[in-house]
Amino acid sequence: MKTILIASCLAVLAMTAASAETRSSTEYFIVLDTKTKTCTVADRKPRTKTLKIAGDATYRTQAEAENGMKLIKVSISK
């Protein structure tokens, strides 16, 4: 009985740790609005046709994405 209880507690602990890791792994993207030709930082991939991911990089923090936005060169073909 003790073995089942300990195993259950360990399983719950492992699932809780995995869940916490998933929540903290937010990705940030540099998003280009093709209508206004401006870039912004977003925490989700764009789902509209006028918003596109600028560059290939994903960033772990918003500050990293903002610094990356200063370095990225975006060219729009018409």
N, C-alpha and C. Protein backbone atom coordinates (compact mmCIF):
# COMPACT_ATOMS: atom_id res chain seq x y z
N MET A 1 0.82 -1.19 0.00
CA MET A 1 0.00 0.00 0.00
C MET A 1 0.86 1.26 0.00
N LYS A 2 1.93 1.24 0.83
CA LYS A 2 2.83 2.38 0.86
C LYS A 2 3.52 2.57 -0.48
N THR A 3 3.85 1.50 -1.14
CA THR A 3 4.53 1.57 -2.43
C THR A 3 3.64 2.25 -3.46
N ILE A 4 2.37 1.92 -3.47
CA ILE A 4 1.44 2.53 -4.43
C ILE A 4 1.28 4.02 -4.12
N LEU A 5 1.19 4.38 -2.86
CA LEU A 5 1.06 5.78 -2.47
C LEU A 5 2.30 6.59 -2.86
N ILE A 6 3.47 6.05 -2.61
CA ILE A 6 4.71 6.73 -2.97
C ILE A 6 4.83 6.86 -4.49
N ALA A 7 4.49 5.81 -5.21
CA ALA A 7 4.55 5.86 -6.67
C ALA A 7 3.57 6.89 -7.23
N SER A 8 2.40 6.98 -6.64
CA SER A 8 1.41 7.97 -7.07
C SER A 8 1.90 9.38 -6.82
N CYS A 9 2.49 9.60 -5.67
CA CYS A 9 3.02 10.93 -5.36
C CYS A 9 4.15 11.32 -6.31
N LEU A 10 5.02 10.39 -6.62
CA LEU A 10 6.10 10.66 -7.56
C LEU A 10 5.56 10.96 -8.96
N ALA A 11 4.54 10.26 -9.37
CA ALA A 11 3.94 10.50 -10.69
C ALA A 11 3.32 11.88 -10.76
N VAL A 12 2.61 12.27 -9.69
CA VAL A 12 2.00 13.61 -9.65
C VAL A 12 3.09 14.68 -9.64
N LEU A 13 4.15 14.47 -8.89
CA LEU A 13 5.26 15.42 -8.83
C LEU A 13 5.91 15.57 -10.20
N ALA A 14 6.11 14.48 -10.90
CA ALA A 14 6.72 14.53 -12.23
C ALA A 14 5.83 15.27 -13.22
N MET A 15 4.52 15.04 -13.17
CA MET A 15 3.59 15.73 -14.08
C MET A 15 3.53 17.22 -13.76
N THR A 16 3.60 17.58 -12.48
CA THR A 16 3.57 18.98 -12.09
C THR A 16 4.83 19.69 -12.57
N ALA A 17 5.97 19.06 -12.45
CA ALA A 17 7.23 19.66 -12.91
C ALA A 17 7.22 19.85 -14.42
N ALA A 18 6.72 18.88 -15.15
CA ALA A 18 6.65 18.99 -16.61
C ALA A 18 5.68 20.09 -17.02
N SER A 19 4.59 20.22 -16.31
CA SER A 19 3.61 21.26 -16.61
C SER A 19 4.20 22.65 -16.34
N ALA A 20 4.93 22.81 -15.27
CA ALA A 20 5.53 24.10 -14.95
C ALA A 20 6.57 24.48 -15.99
N GLU A 21 7.32 23.52 -16.49
CA GLU A 21 8.33 23.78 -17.51
C GLU A 21 7.68 24.22 -18.81
N THR A 22 6.55 23.64 -19.16
CA THR A 22 5.85 24.00 -20.38
C THR A 22 5.34 25.43 -20.32
N ARG A 23 4.81 25.84 -19.18
CA ARG A 23 4.28 27.19 -19.04
C ARG A 23 5.36 28.25 -19.13
N SER A 24 6.56 27.96 -18.66
CA SER A 24 7.61 28.96 -18.65
C SER A 24 8.37 29.03 -19.96
N SER A 25 8.08 28.18 -20.90
CA SER A 25 8.82 28.16 -22.16
C SER A 25 8.07 28.93 -23.24
N THR A 26 7.74 30.18 -22.97
CA THR A 26 7.07 31.03 -23.94
C THR A 26 8.08 31.46 -24.99
N GLU A 27 7.64 31.47 -26.23
CA GLU A 27 8.49 31.94 -27.31
C GLU A 27 7.97 33.29 -27.79
N TYR A 28 8.90 34.14 -28.17
CA TYR A 28 8.55 35.46 -28.70
C TYR A 28 9.02 35.54 -30.13
N PHE A 29 8.26 36.25 -30.95
CA PHE A 29 8.54 36.38 -32.37
C PHE A 29 8.55 37.86 -32.74
N ILE A 30 9.33 38.18 -33.78
CA ILE A 30 9.25 39.51 -34.37
C ILE A 30 8.26 39.40 -35.52
N VAL A 31 7.21 40.19 -35.44
CA VAL A 31 6.11 40.10 -36.40
C VAL A 31 6.06 41.37 -37.23
N LEU A 32 5.94 41.21 -38.54
CA LEU A 32 5.85 42.32 -39.47
C LEU A 32 4.42 42.49 -39.94
N ASP A 33 3.90 43.70 -39.80
CA ASP A 33 2.59 44.03 -40.35
C ASP A 33 2.83 44.55 -41.77
N THR A 34 2.37 43.81 -42.77
CA THR A 34 2.66 44.17 -44.15
C THR A 34 1.90 45.39 -44.63
N LYS A 35 0.82 45.75 -43.95
CA LYS A 35 0.08 46.96 -44.33
C LYS A 35 0.78 48.22 -43.85
N THR A 36 1.17 48.24 -42.58
CA THR A 36 1.81 49.43 -42.03
C THR A 36 3.32 49.38 -42.12
N LYS A 37 3.86 48.22 -42.46
CA LYS A 37 5.31 47.99 -42.58
C LYS A 37 6.05 48.29 -41.28
N THR A 38 5.44 47.88 -40.17
CA THR A 38 6.07 48.04 -38.87
C THR A 38 6.23 46.68 -38.21
N CYS A 39 7.24 46.57 -37.38
CA CYS A 39 7.50 45.33 -36.66
C CYS A 39 7.11 45.49 -35.19
N THR A 40 6.64 44.41 -34.61
CA THR A 40 6.33 44.35 -33.19
C THR A 40 6.76 43.00 -32.65
N VAL A 41 6.78 42.88 -31.34
CA VAL A 41 7.10 41.62 -30.68
C VAL A 41 5.79 40.97 -30.27
N ALA A 42 5.66 39.67 -30.56
CA ALA A 42 4.45 38.93 -30.21
C ALA A 42 4.84 37.63 -29.52
N ASP A 43 3.94 37.17 -28.65
CA ASP A 43 4.21 35.90 -27.95
C ASP A 43 3.48 34.73 -28.60
N ARG A 44 2.81 34.99 -29.72
CA ARG A 44 2.13 33.94 -30.49
C ARG A 44 2.45 34.10 -31.95
N LYS A 45 2.40 33.01 -32.67
CA LYS A 45 2.59 33.09 -34.11
C LYS A 45 1.39 33.80 -34.74
N PRO A 46 1.65 34.64 -35.73
CA PRO A 46 0.53 35.35 -36.35
C PRO A 46 -0.37 34.41 -37.13
N ARG A 47 -1.66 34.72 -37.13
CA ARG A 47 -2.64 33.86 -37.81
C ARG A 47 -3.38 34.60 -38.91
N THR A 48 -2.98 35.82 -39.21
CA THR A 48 -3.63 36.57 -40.28
C THR A 48 -2.67 36.70 -41.45
N LYS A 49 -3.21 37.05 -42.60
CA LYS A 49 -2.39 37.16 -43.80
C LYS A 49 -1.55 38.43 -43.81
N THR A 50 -1.96 39.44 -43.07
CA THR A 50 -1.22 40.70 -43.07
C THR A 50 -0.07 40.70 -42.07
N LEU A 51 -0.04 39.74 -41.17
CA LEU A 51 1.05 39.63 -40.21
C LEU A 51 1.92 38.45 -40.56
N LYS A 52 3.23 38.67 -40.61
CA LYS A 52 4.18 37.61 -40.94
C LYS A 52 5.33 37.64 -39.96
N ILE A 53 5.93 36.48 -39.71
CA ILE A 53 7.10 36.41 -38.86
C ILE A 53 8.28 36.96 -39.65
N ALA A 54 8.97 37.93 -39.08
CA ALA A 54 10.14 38.53 -39.72
C ALA A 54 11.38 37.80 -39.21
N GLY A 55 12.11 37.17 -40.09
CA GLY A 55 13.30 36.43 -39.70
C GLY A 55 12.97 35.01 -39.30
N ASP A 56 14.01 34.28 -38.95
CA ASP A 56 13.85 32.87 -38.60
C ASP A 56 13.96 32.60 -37.10
N ALA A 57 14.31 33.59 -36.34
CA ALA A 57 14.62 33.38 -34.93
C ALA A 57 13.38 33.41 -34.05
N THR A 58 13.45 32.62 -32.98
CA THR A 58 12.49 32.73 -31.88
C THR A 58 13.30 33.12 -30.65
N TYR A 59 12.68 33.84 -29.75
CA TYR A 59 13.38 34.38 -28.59
C TYR A 59 12.74 33.88 -27.32
N ARG A 60 13.55 33.73 -26.28
CA ARG A 60 13.05 33.23 -24.99
C ARG A 60 12.38 34.31 -24.16
N THR A 61 12.86 35.54 -24.29
CA THR A 61 12.29 36.64 -23.52
C THR A 61 11.88 37.77 -24.45
N GLN A 62 11.03 38.62 -23.95
CA GLN A 62 10.57 39.75 -24.74
C GLN A 62 11.72 40.73 -24.97
N ALA A 63 12.59 40.87 -23.98
CA ALA A 63 13.74 41.78 -24.12
C ALA A 63 14.67 41.31 -25.23
N GLU A 64 14.90 40.00 -25.33
CA GLU A 64 15.74 39.47 -26.41
C GLU A 64 15.10 39.76 -27.77
N ALA A 65 13.81 39.61 -27.85
CA ALA A 65 13.10 39.86 -29.11
C ALA A 65 13.19 41.34 -29.49
N GLU A 66 13.07 42.22 -28.51
CA GLU A 66 13.17 43.65 -28.79
C GLU A 66 14.56 44.03 -29.27
N ASN A 67 15.59 43.41 -28.69
CA ASN A 67 16.95 43.65 -29.17
C ASN A 67 17.14 43.07 -30.56
N GLY A 68 16.56 41.92 -30.82
CA GLY A 68 16.64 41.32 -32.15
C GLY A 68 15.93 42.17 -33.19
N MET A 69 14.88 42.84 -32.78
CA MET A 69 14.12 43.69 -33.70
C MET A 69 14.98 44.87 -34.17
N LYS A 70 15.91 45.32 -33.34
CA LYS A 70 16.80 46.41 -33.73
C LYS A 70 17.80 45.96 -34.79
N LEU A 71 18.13 44.67 -34.80
CA LEU A 71 19.14 44.16 -35.71
C LEU A 71 18.60 43.62 -37.02
N ILE A 72 17.32 43.28 -37.05
CA ILE A 72 16.75 42.61 -38.23
C ILE A 72 16.50 43.62 -39.34
N LYS A 73 16.78 43.20 -40.55
CA LYS A 73 16.51 44.02 -41.73
C LYS A 73 15.39 43.33 -42.49
N VAL A 74 14.30 44.04 -42.69
CA VAL A 74 13.12 43.46 -43.33
C VAL A 74 12.99 44.08 -44.72
N SER A 75 12.83 43.22 -45.70
CA SER A 75 12.57 43.73 -47.05
C SER A 75 11.24 43.18 -47.52
N ILE A 76 10.43 44.03 -48.06
CA ILE A 76 9.11 43.64 -48.54
C ILE A 76 9.11 43.72 -50.06
N SER A 77 8.77 42.61 -50.69
CA SER A 77 8.67 42.62 -52.15
C SER A 77 7.25 42.92 -52.55
N LYS A 78 7.08 43.77 -53.53
CA LYS A 78 5.73 44.17 -53.95
C LYS A 78 5.32 43.40 -55.18
